[in-house]
C-alpha atoms as a PDB file:
ATOM      1  CA  MET A   1     107.773  89.806  -2.138  1.00  0.00           C
ATOM      2  CA  ASP A   2     107.878  87.603   1.237  1.00  0.00           C
ATOM      3  CA  VAL A   3     107.635  84.041   0.563  1.00  0.00           C
ATOM      4  CA  GLY A   4     105.000  82.906   2.541  1.00  0.00           C
ATOM      5  CA  ARG A   5     102.589  85.513   0.884  1.00  0.00           C
ATOM      6  CA  VAL A   6     103.546  83.759  -2.829  1.00  0.00           C
ATOM      7  CA  VAL A   7     103.188  80.589  -1.714  1.00  0.00           C
ATOM      8  CA  LYS A   8      99.781  81.460  -0.290  1.00  0.00           C
ATOM      9  CA  LEU A   9      98.603  83.073  -3.185  1.00  0.00           C
ATOM     10  CA  MET A  10      99.857  80.182  -5.816  1.00  0.00           C
ATOM     11  CA  LEU A  11      98.103  77.778  -3.537  1.00  0.00           C
ATOM     12  CA  SER A  12      94.708  79.798  -3.711  1.00  0.00           C
ATOM     13  CA  LEU A  13      95.208  80.402  -7.189  1.00  0.00           C
ATOM     14  CA  PHE A  14      95.565  76.287  -7.577  1.00  0.00           C
ATOM     15  CA  VAL A  15      92.395  75.888  -5.443  1.00  0.00           C
ATOM     16  CA  ILE A  16      90.721  78.156  -8.057  1.00  0.00           C
ATOM     17  CA  LEU A  17      92.068  76.510 -10.955  1.00  0.00           C
ATOM     18  CA  LEU A  18      90.837  73.123  -9.532  1.00  0.00           C
ATOM     19  CA  ALA A  19      87.245  74.094  -8.936  1.00  0.00           C
ATOM     20  CA  SER A  20      86.847  75.483 -12.000  1.00  0.00           C
ATOM     21  CA  ILE A  21      88.327  72.478 -13.782  1.00  0.00           C
ATOM     22  CA  LYS A  22      85.528  70.485 -11.543  1.00  0.00           C
ATOM     23  CA  ARG A  23      82.870  72.676 -13.336  1.00  0.00           C
ATOM     24  CA  CYS A  24      83.910  72.357 -16.654  1.00  0.00           C
ATOM     25  CA  LEU A  25      84.555  68.613 -16.283  1.00  0.00           C
ATOM     26  CA  SER A  26      81.722  66.397 -17.210  1.00  0.00           C
ATOM     27  CA  ASP A  27      80.507  64.095 -14.193  1.00  0.00           C
ATOM     28  CA  PRO A  28      80.573  60.367 -16.087  1.00  0.00           C
ATOM     29  CA  SER A  29      77.503  59.334 -13.601  1.00  0.00           C
ATOM     30  CA  ASP A  30      75.805  61.814 -14.589  1.00  0.00           C
ATOM     31  CA  GLU A  31      76.155  61.985 -18.014  1.00  0.00           C
ATOM     32  CA  ALA A  32      75.223  57.603 -18.659  1.00  0.00           C
ATOM     33  CA  CYS A  33      72.231  58.630 -16.529  1.00  0.00           C
ATOM     34  CA  LEU A  34      70.951  60.939 -18.597  1.00  0.00           C
ATOM     35  CA  THR A  35      71.960  59.531 -21.516  1.00  0.00           C
ATOM     36  CA  HIS A  36      70.417  56.141 -20.919  1.00  0.00           C
ATOM     37  CA  LEU A  37      67.223  57.718 -19.858  1.00  0.00           C
ATOM     38  CA  SER A  38      67.053  59.700 -22.774  1.00  0.00           C
ATOM     39  CA  LYS A  39      67.057  56.416 -24.794  1.00  0.00           C
ATOM     40  CA  SER A  40      64.413  54.629 -22.881  1.00  0.00           C
ATOM     41  CA  LEU A  41      62.098  57.251 -23.037  1.00  0.00           C
ATOM     42  CA  GLU A  42      60.071  58.059 -26.541  1.00  0.00           C
ATOM     43  CA  ASP A  43      59.019  62.142 -26.425  1.00  0.00           C
ATOM     44  CA  PRO A  44      56.008  62.144 -28.718  1.00  0.00           C
ATOM     45  CA  ASN A  45      55.535  66.347 -28.254  1.00  0.00           C
ATOM     46  CA  LYS A  46      59.098  67.113 -28.565  1.00  0.00           C
ATOM     47  CA  SER A  47      58.956  68.181 -25.016  1.00  0.00           C
ATOM     48  CA  LEU A  48      62.767  67.721 -23.787  1.00  0.00           C
ATOM     49  CA  HIS A  49      63.851  69.143 -27.225  1.00  0.00           C
ATOM     50  CA  ASN A  50      67.242  70.577 -25.578  1.00  0.00           C
ATOM     51  CA  TRP A  51      67.962  66.996 -24.075  1.00  0.00           C
ATOM     52  CA  ILE A  52      70.885  66.060 -26.752  1.00  0.00           C
ATOM     53  CA  GLU A  53      73.550  64.030 -26.264  1.00  0.00           C
ATOM     54  CA  GLU A  54      76.064  67.134 -26.361  1.00  0.00           C
ATOM     55  CA  ASN A  55      74.141  68.852 -23.587  1.00  0.00           C
ATOM     56  CA  PHE A  56      74.697  65.048 -21.554  1.00  0.00           C
ATOM     57  CA  ALA A  57      78.013  65.647 -21.205  1.00  0.00           C
ATOM     58  CA  LYS A  58      78.139  68.919 -19.475  1.00  0.00           C
ATOM     59  CA  PRO A  59      74.248  69.505 -17.751  1.00  0.00           C
ATOM     60  CA  CYS A  60      75.321  71.612 -15.411  1.00  0.00           C
ATOM     61  CA  ASN A  61      76.939  74.962 -14.911  1.00  0.00           C
ATOM     62  CA  ASP A  62      77.141  74.688 -11.052  1.00  0.00           C
ATOM     63  CA  SER A  63      73.823  75.266  -9.756  1.00  0.00           C
ATOM     64  CA  THR A  64      72.251  76.069 -13.357  1.00  0.00           C
ATOM     65  CA  SER A  65      71.296  73.122 -15.901  1.00  0.00           C
ATOM     66  CA  ASN A  66      70.738  72.916 -19.403  1.00  0.00           C
ATOM     67  CA  LEU A  67      68.281  70.464 -19.300  1.00  0.00           C
ATOM     68  CA  GLN A  68      64.595  70.843 -19.324  1.00  0.00           C
ATOM     69  CA  GLY A  69      62.964  69.622 -15.874  1.00  0.00           C
ATOM     70  CA  ALA A  70      66.461  68.912 -14.639  1.00  0.00           C
ATOM     71  CA  ILE A  71      68.047  71.072 -11.397  1.00  0.00           C
ATOM     72  CA  CYS A  72      71.641  71.267 -10.534  1.00  0.00           C
ATOM     73  CA  ASN A  73      73.511  71.307  -7.302  1.00  0.00           C
ATOM     74  CA  ASN A  74      77.272  72.156  -6.967  1.00  0.00           C
ATOM     75  CA  GLY A  75      77.423  70.522 -10.322  1.00  0.00           C
ATOM     76  CA  ARG A  76      75.602  67.270 -10.209  1.00  0.00           C
ATOM     77  CA  ILE A  77      71.526  66.742 -11.114  1.00  0.00           C
ATOM     78  CA  TYR A  78      70.022  66.826  -7.845  1.00  0.00           C
ATOM     79  CA  LYS A  79      66.354  67.053  -9.591  1.00  0.00           C
ATOM     80  CA  LEU A  80      64.396  65.037 -12.374  1.00  0.00           C
ATOM     81  CA  SER A  81      60.716  67.069 -12.516  1.00  0.00           C
ATOM     82  CA  LEU A  82      59.794  65.574 -15.842  1.00  0.00           C
ATOM     83  CA  ASN A  83      56.335  65.104 -14.986  1.00  0.00           C
ATOM     84  CA  ASN A  84      52.554  65.390 -17.573  1.00  0.00           C
ATOM     85  CA  LEU A  85      55.240  65.681 -20.682  1.00  0.00           C
ATOM     86  CA  SER A  86      53.348  62.329 -22.536  1.00  0.00           C
ATOM     87  CA  LEU A  87      56.737  60.380 -22.326  1.00  0.00           C
ATOM     88  CA  ARG A  88      56.252  56.833 -23.013  1.00  0.00           C
ATOM     89  CA  GLY A  89      58.634  53.746 -23.059  1.00  0.00           C
ATOM     90  CA  THR A  90      60.528  52.704 -19.360  1.00  0.00           C
ATOM     91  CA  ILE A  91      62.490  53.425 -16.721  1.00  0.00           C
ATOM     92  CA  SER A  92      65.827  53.306 -17.704  1.00  0.00           C
ATOM     93  CA  PRO A  93      67.860  51.239 -14.566  1.00  0.00           C
ATOM     94  CA  PHE A  94      71.305  53.352 -15.588  1.00  0.00           C
ATOM     95  CA  LEU A  95      68.958  56.423 -13.374  1.00  0.00           C
ATOM     96  CA  SER A  96      70.708  54.542 -10.456  1.00  0.00           C
ATOM     97  CA  ASN A  97      74.065  56.554 -11.592  1.00  0.00           C
ATOM     98  CA  CYS A  98      72.382  59.935 -10.905  1.00  0.00           C
ATOM     99  CA  THR A  99      73.683  59.439  -7.200  1.00  0.00           C
ATOM    100  CA  ASN A 100      73.176  63.063  -6.388  1.00  0.00           C
ATOM    101  CA  LEU A 101      69.932  62.692  -7.211  1.00  0.00           C
ATOM    102  CA  GLN A 102      67.300  63.692  -4.542  1.00  0.00           C
ATOM    103  CA  THR A 103      64.213  64.030  -6.288  1.00  0.00           C
ATOM    104  CA  LEU A 104      62.527  61.725  -9.261  1.00  0.00           C
ATOM    105  CA  ASP A 105      59.114  62.987 -10.625  1.00  0.00           C
ATOM    106  CA  LEU A 106      58.106  60.707 -13.487  1.00  0.00           C
ATOM    107  CA  SER A 107      54.226  61.154 -12.710  1.00  0.00           C
ATOM    108  CA  SER A 108      51.039  61.944 -14.920  1.00  0.00           C
ATOM    109  CA  ASN A 109      52.825  60.215 -18.176  1.00  0.00           C
ATOM    110  CA  PHE A 110      52.199  57.014 -20.075  1.00  0.00           C
ATOM    111  CA  ILE A 111      55.419  54.949 -19.228  1.00  0.00           C
ATOM    112  CA  THR A 112      55.512  51.150 -19.037  1.00  0.00           C
ATOM    113  CA  GLY A 113      57.766  48.586 -17.664  1.00  0.00           C
ATOM    114  CA  PRO A 114      58.778  47.806 -13.919  1.00  0.00           C
ATOM    115  CA  ILE A 115      60.348  50.062 -11.237  1.00  0.00           C
ATOM    116  CA  PRO A 116      63.858  48.978 -11.651  1.00  0.00           C
ATOM    117  CA  PRO A 117      65.496  47.931  -8.145  1.00  0.00           C
ATOM    118  CA  ASP A 118      68.478  49.325  -9.318  1.00  0.00           C
ATOM    119  CA  LEU A 119      67.255  52.493  -7.453  1.00  0.00           C
ATOM    120  CA  GLN A 120      68.083  51.262  -4.523  1.00  0.00           C
ATOM    121  CA  SER A 121      71.563  53.026  -5.635  1.00  0.00           C
ATOM    122  CA  LEU A 122      70.101  56.732  -5.321  1.00  0.00           C
ATOM    123  CA  VAL A 123      71.136  56.540  -1.411  1.00  0.00           C
ATOM    124  CA  ASN A 124      70.121  60.671  -1.409  1.00  0.00           C
ATOM    125  CA  LEU A 125      66.873  60.040  -2.757  1.00  0.00           C
ATOM    126  CA  ALA A 126      63.796  61.877  -0.855  1.00  0.00           C
ATOM    127  CA  VAL A 127      61.246  61.982  -3.203  1.00  0.00           C
ATOM    128  CA  LEU A 128      59.887  59.327  -5.552  1.00  0.00           C
ATOM    129  CA  ASN A 129      56.937  59.880  -7.186  1.00  0.00           C
ATOM    130  CA  LEU A 130      56.063  57.662 -10.521  1.00  0.00           C
ATOM    131  CA  SER A 131      52.171  58.077 -10.206  1.00  0.00           C
ATOM    132  CA  SER A 132      49.594  57.781 -13.094  1.00  0.00           C
ATOM    133  CA  ASN A 133      51.779  55.776 -15.167  1.00  0.00           C
ATOM    134  CA  ARG A 134      51.345  52.731 -16.420  1.00  0.00           C
ATOM    135  CA  LEU A 135      53.632  50.751 -14.612  1.00  0.00           C
ATOM    136  CA  GLU A 136      53.314  46.969 -14.343  1.00  0.00           C
ATOM    137  CA  GLY A 137      55.125  44.254 -11.841  1.00  0.00           C
ATOM    138  CA  GLU A 138      56.370  44.128  -8.360  1.00  0.00           C
ATOM    139  CA  ILE A 139      57.097  47.384  -5.835  1.00  0.00           C
ATOM    140  CA  PRO A 140      60.863  46.449  -5.429  1.00  0.00           C
ATOM    141  CA  SER A 141      61.731  46.041  -2.005  1.00  0.00           C
ATOM    142  CA  GLN A 142      65.430  47.487  -2.384  1.00  0.00           C
ATOM    143  CA  LEU A 143      63.745  50.796  -2.255  1.00  0.00           C
ATOM    144  CA  THR A 144      64.121  49.654   1.883  1.00  0.00           C
ATOM    145  CA  MET A 145      68.254  50.756   0.439  1.00  0.00           C
ATOM    146  CA  CYS A 146      66.811  54.635  -0.041  1.00  0.00           C
ATOM    147  CA  ALA A 147      66.965  55.527   3.394  1.00  0.00           C
ATOM    148  CA  TYR A 148      66.396  59.200   3.188  1.00  0.00           C
ATOM    149  CA  LEU A 149      62.970  58.266   1.325  1.00  0.00           C
ATOM    150  CA  ASN A 150      60.013  61.082   2.608  1.00  0.00           C
ATOM    151  CA  ILE A 151      57.619  60.355  -0.099  1.00  0.00           C
ATOM    152  CA  ILE A 152      56.691  57.438  -2.222  1.00  0.00           C
ATOM    153  CA  ASP A 153      53.673  57.941  -4.413  1.00  0.00           C
ATOM    154  CA  LEU A 154      52.788  55.106  -6.737  1.00  0.00           C
ATOM    155  CA  HIS A 155      49.250  55.578  -7.270  1.00  0.00           C
ATOM    156  CA  ASP A 156      47.261  54.972 -10.411  1.00  0.00           C
ATOM    157  CA  ASN A 157      49.434  52.144 -12.180  1.00  0.00           C
ATOM    158  CA  LEU A 158      48.713  48.753 -12.962  1.00  0.00           C
ATOM    159  CA  LEU A 159      51.511  46.956  -9.768  1.00  0.00           C
ATOM    160  CA  ILE A 160      50.880  43.609  -8.954  1.00  0.00           C
ATOM    161  CA  GLY A 161      51.984  41.540  -5.915  1.00  0.00           C
ATOM    162  CA  PRO A 162      52.536  42.386  -1.726  1.00  0.00           C
ATOM    163  CA  ILE A 163      53.324  45.735  -0.707  1.00  0.00           C
ATOM    164  CA  PRO A 164      56.745  44.554   0.396  1.00  0.00           C
ATOM    165  CA  GLN A 165      57.335  44.479   4.271  1.00  0.00           C
ATOM    166  CA  GLN A 166      60.225  46.268   4.209  1.00  0.00           C
ATOM    167  CA  LEU A 167      59.298  49.761   3.652  1.00  0.00           C
ATOM    168  CA  GLY A 168      58.180  50.011   6.640  1.00  0.00           C
ATOM    169  CA  LEU A 169      61.726  50.265   8.221  1.00  0.00           C
ATOM    170  CA  LEU A 170      61.502  53.991   6.350  1.00  0.00           C
ATOM    171  CA  VAL A 171      61.864  55.911   9.704  1.00  0.00           C
ATOM    172  CA  ARG A 172      61.589  59.177   7.268  1.00  0.00           C
ATOM    173  CA  LEU A 173      58.736  58.256   5.532  1.00  0.00           C
ATOM    174  CA  SER A 174      55.825  60.722   5.788  1.00  0.00           C
ATOM    175  CA  ALA A 175      53.798  60.090   2.448  1.00  0.00           C
ATOM    176  CA  PHE A 176      52.610  57.078   1.085  1.00  0.00           C
ATOM    177  CA  ASP A 177      50.278  56.500  -1.990  1.00  0.00           C
ATOM    178  CA  VAL A 178      49.807  53.007  -4.344  1.00  0.00           C
ATOM    179  CA  SER A 179      46.046  53.047  -4.498  1.00  0.00           C
ATOM    180  CA  ASN A 180      44.560  52.732  -7.525  1.00  0.00           C
ATOM    181  CA  ASN A 181      46.459  49.677  -8.649  1.00  0.00           C
ATOM    182  CA  ARG A 182      46.558  45.256  -8.442  1.00  0.00           C
ATOM    183  CA  LEU A 183      47.982  44.822  -5.681  1.00  0.00           C
ATOM    184  CA  SER A 184      47.461  42.195  -3.406  1.00  0.00           C
ATOM    185  CA  GLY A 185      47.722  40.306  -0.035  1.00  0.00           C
ATOM    186  CA  PRO A 186      47.828  41.955   3.370  1.00  0.00           C
ATOM    187  CA  ILE A 187      48.875  45.554   3.981  1.00  0.00           C
ATOM    188  CA  PRO A 188      52.449  45.533   6.500  1.00  0.00           C
ATOM    189  CA  SER A 189      51.724  46.375   9.453  1.00  0.00           C
ATOM    190  CA  SER A 190      54.698  48.535   9.761  1.00  0.00           C
ATOM    191  CA  LEU A 191      52.768  50.883   7.623  1.00  0.00           C
ATOM    192  CA  SER A 192      49.329  51.033   8.884  1.00  0.00           C
ATOM    193  CA  ASN A 193      50.087  50.508  12.724  1.00  0.00           C
ATOM    194  CA  ARG A 194      53.170  52.390  12.987  1.00  0.00           C
ATOM    195  CA  SER A 195      54.621  53.393  16.314  1.00  0.00           C
ATOM    196  CA  ALA A 196      53.462  57.626  17.923  1.00  0.00           C
ATOM    197  CA  ASN A 197      56.727  58.715  16.575  1.00  0.00           C
ATOM    198  CA  LEU A 198      56.199  57.560  12.722  1.00  0.00           C
ATOM    199  CA  PRO A 199      53.161  58.624  10.682  1.00  0.00           C
ATOM    200  CA  ARG A 200      50.522  56.686  10.042  1.00  0.00           C
ATOM    201  CA  PHE A 201      48.872  56.120   6.553  1.00  0.00           C
ATOM    202  CA  ASN A 202      45.033  55.969   6.359  1.00  0.00           C
ATOM    203  CA  ALA A 203      42.949  53.865   3.616  1.00  0.00           C
ATOM    204  CA  THR A 204      43.048  56.059   1.189  1.00  0.00           C
ATOM    205  CA  SER A 205      46.775  55.330   0.694  1.00  0.00           C
ATOM    206  CA  PHE A 206      45.785  51.827  -0.710  1.00  0.00           C
ATOM    207  CA  GLN A 207      42.018  51.796  -1.554  1.00  0.00           C
ATOM    208  CA  GLY A 208      41.302  50.778  -5.031  1.00  0.00           C
ATOM    209  CA  ASN A 209      43.104  47.447  -4.893  1.00  0.00           C
ATOM    210  CA  LYS A 210      40.722  45.119  -4.810  1.00  0.00           C
ATOM    211  CA  ASP A 211      42.570  41.855  -3.199  1.00  0.00           C
ATOM    212  CA  LEU A 212      44.343  43.821  -0.853  1.00  0.00           C
ATOM    213  CA  TYR A 213      43.516  43.526   2.845  1.00  0.00           C
ATOM    214  CA  GLY A 214      43.638  44.510   6.430  1.00  0.00           C
ATOM    215  CA  TYR A 215      44.138  47.781   8.500  1.00  0.00           C
ATOM    216  CA  PRO A 216      43.155  49.943   7.657  1.00  0.00           C
ATOM    217  CA  LEU A 217      41.302  48.764   4.856  1.00  0.00           C
ATOM    218  CA  PRO A 218      38.575  45.379   5.692  1.00  0.00           C
ATOM    219  CA  PRO A 219      39.940  42.154   6.921  1.00  0.00           C
ATOM    220  CA  MET A 220      40.066  39.578   4.046  1.00  0.00           C
ATOM    221  CA  ARG A 221      36.557  38.437   3.074  1.00  0.00           C
ATOM    222  CA  SER A 222      35.703  34.604   2.066  1.00  0.00           C
ATOM    223  CA  LYS A 223      35.609  34.932  -1.791  1.00  0.00           C
ATOM    224  CA  GLY A 224      32.743  32.408  -0.844  1.00  0.00           C
ATOM    225  CA  LEU A 225      32.149  29.857  -4.297  1.00  0.00           C
ATOM    226  CA  SER A 226      33.296  31.090  -7.500  1.00  0.00           C
ATOM    227  CA  VAL A 227      31.310  31.384 -10.723  1.00  0.00           C
ATOM    228  CA  LEU A 228      32.240  27.919 -12.306  1.00  0.00           C
ATOM    229  CA  ALA A 229      30.752  26.246  -9.013  1.00  0.00           C
ATOM    230  CA  ILE A 230      27.753  28.540  -8.955  1.00  0.00           C
ATOM    231  CA  VAL A 231      27.144  27.843 -12.407  1.00  0.00           C
ATOM    232  CA  GLY A 232      28.005  23.973 -11.793  1.00  0.00           C
ATOM    233  CA  ILE A 233      25.840  23.559  -8.984  1.00  0.00           C
ATOM    234  CA  GLY A 234      22.726  25.334 -10.727  1.00  0.00           C
ATOM    235  CA  LEU A 235      23.363  23.038 -14.186  1.00  0.00           C
ATOM    236  CA  GLY A 236      23.905  19.930 -11.218  1.00  0.00           C
ATOM    237  CA  SER A 237      20.355  20.497  -9.433  1.00  0.00           C
ATOM    238  CA  GLY A 238      18.578  20.966 -13.086  1.00  0.00           C
ATOM    239  CA  LEU A 239      19.632  17.867 -14.264  1.00  0.00           C
ATOM    240  CA  ALA A 240      18.926  15.825 -10.612  1.00  0.00           C
ATOM    241  CA  SER A 241      15.453  17.651 -11.138  1.00  0.00           C
ATOM    242  CA  LEU A 242      15.431  16.717 -14.778  1.00  0.00           C
ATOM    243  CA  VAL A 243      16.029  12.947 -14.211  1.00  0.00           C
ATOM    244  CA  LEU A 244      13.588  13.069 -11.227  1.00  0.00           C
ATOM    245  CA  SER A 245      10.934  14.343 -12.982  1.00  0.00           C
ATOM    246  CA  PHE A 246      11.668  11.993 -16.022  1.00  0.00           C
ATOM    247  CA  THR A 247      11.706   9.129 -13.688  1.00  0.00           C
ATOM    248  CA  GLY A 248       8.433  10.019 -11.953  1.00  0.00           C
ATOM    249  CA  VAL A 249       7.003  10.329 -15.463  1.00  0.00           C
ATOM    250  CA  CYS A 250       7.835   6.796 -16.291  1.00  0.00           C
ATOM    251  CA  ILE A 251       6.523   5.523 -13.321  1.00  0.00           C
ATOM    252  CA  TRP A 252       3.320   7.005 -13.857  1.00  0.00           C
ATOM    253  CA  LEU A 253       3.487   5.943 -17.441  1.00  0.00           C
ATOM    254  CA  LYS A 254       4.027   2.101 -16.420  1.00  0.00           C
ATOM    255  CA  VAL A 255       1.175   2.299 -13.956  1.00  0.00           C
ATOM    256  CA  THR A 256      -1.254   3.435 -15.851  1.00  0.00           C
ATOM    257  CA  ASP A 257      -0.291   1.210 -18.834  1.00  0.00           C
ATOM    258  CA  ARG A 258      -0.784  -1.361 -15.898  1.00  0.00           C
ATOM    259  CA  LYS A 259      -4.166  -0.100 -14.990  1.00  0.00           C
ATOM    260  CA  VAL A 260      -5.620   0.342 -18.550  1.00  0.00           C
ATOM    261  CA  ALA A 261      -4.489  -3.426 -19.165  1.00  0.00           C
ATOM    262  CA  LEU A 262      -6.448  -4.599 -16.080  1.00  0.00           C
ATOM    263  CA  GLU A 263      -9.271  -2.436 -17.032  1.00  0.00           C
ATOM    264  CA  GLU A 264      -9.148  -3.824 -20.589  1.00  0.00           C
ATOM    265  CA  GLY A 265      -8.814  -7.912 -19.260  1.00  0.00           C
ATOM    266  CA  LYS A 266     -11.867  -7.303 -17.146  1.00  0.00           C
ATOM    267  CA  ILE A 267     -14.199  -5.625 -20.230  1.00  0.00           C
ATOM    268  CA  SER A 268     -12.406  -8.562 -22.584  1.00  0.00           C
ATOM    269  CA  HIS A 269     -13.905 -11.089 -19.461  1.00  0.00           C
ATOM    270  CA  LEU A 270     -17.366  -9.911 -19.521  1.00  0.00           C
ATOM    271  CA  MET A 271     -17.380  -9.361 -23.564  1.00  0.00           C
ATOM    272  CA  PRO A 272     -19.843 -12.005 -25.323  1.00  0.00           C
ATOM    273  CA  ASP A 273     -18.458 -14.679 -27.911  1.00  0.00           C
ATOM    274  CA  TYR A 274     -19.404 -14.330 -31.002  1.00  0.00           C
END
């Protein structure tokens, strides 16, 4: 047999063997990501019944997954869709280990706590949907590091603070919704008044945040007098009126008494002595 053909055959077999070994070996990053995420979430309805430790060691068979809500590509987790499962708990910062993740959908659950700034490590992330939960704290400005983000949906949560100006730097961002939170401050012009080449977001993306202002919402309104100030003014006015009324009555009584005394003096002077 030709030596050259033998060498080529051996090389081909070696490549196939390496590919097979790669598929059989677990990815330590994905394993850590899934392990910690399962520990941070509570699953009262047992929807994620196959999310068990032995499956985390090998979550993918090339493009198929053993885990509900997980989709794989080339042996790595690239999509997690765990929406509407009545999940509770918090978002694990170890999600950042799923470095091949392109879609993260945890919407319509009962998840609490903050959005981990560690998600900045998901440099391939295109879709982030954490809407309809009970997330608290501020929107992390570190999300700007996820340069491929196309969708950020955080509506119907309990998020506070300002919208990070840096999010306007995400040039691929085509859908943005932070409505119905507790956000405050001005809407970044980089999101509301973008250039012609970038999508602009209308009022529906921001409404439902009573302390959020600026285009496309109305400008900041003067808060006027506070309730305490109004009550104070009312009490002060009432007290002043009471004092003036009391003073007037006292003066009137004194004048009346004096008139009575004078009249009594006149009468006694005219009365005969007995």
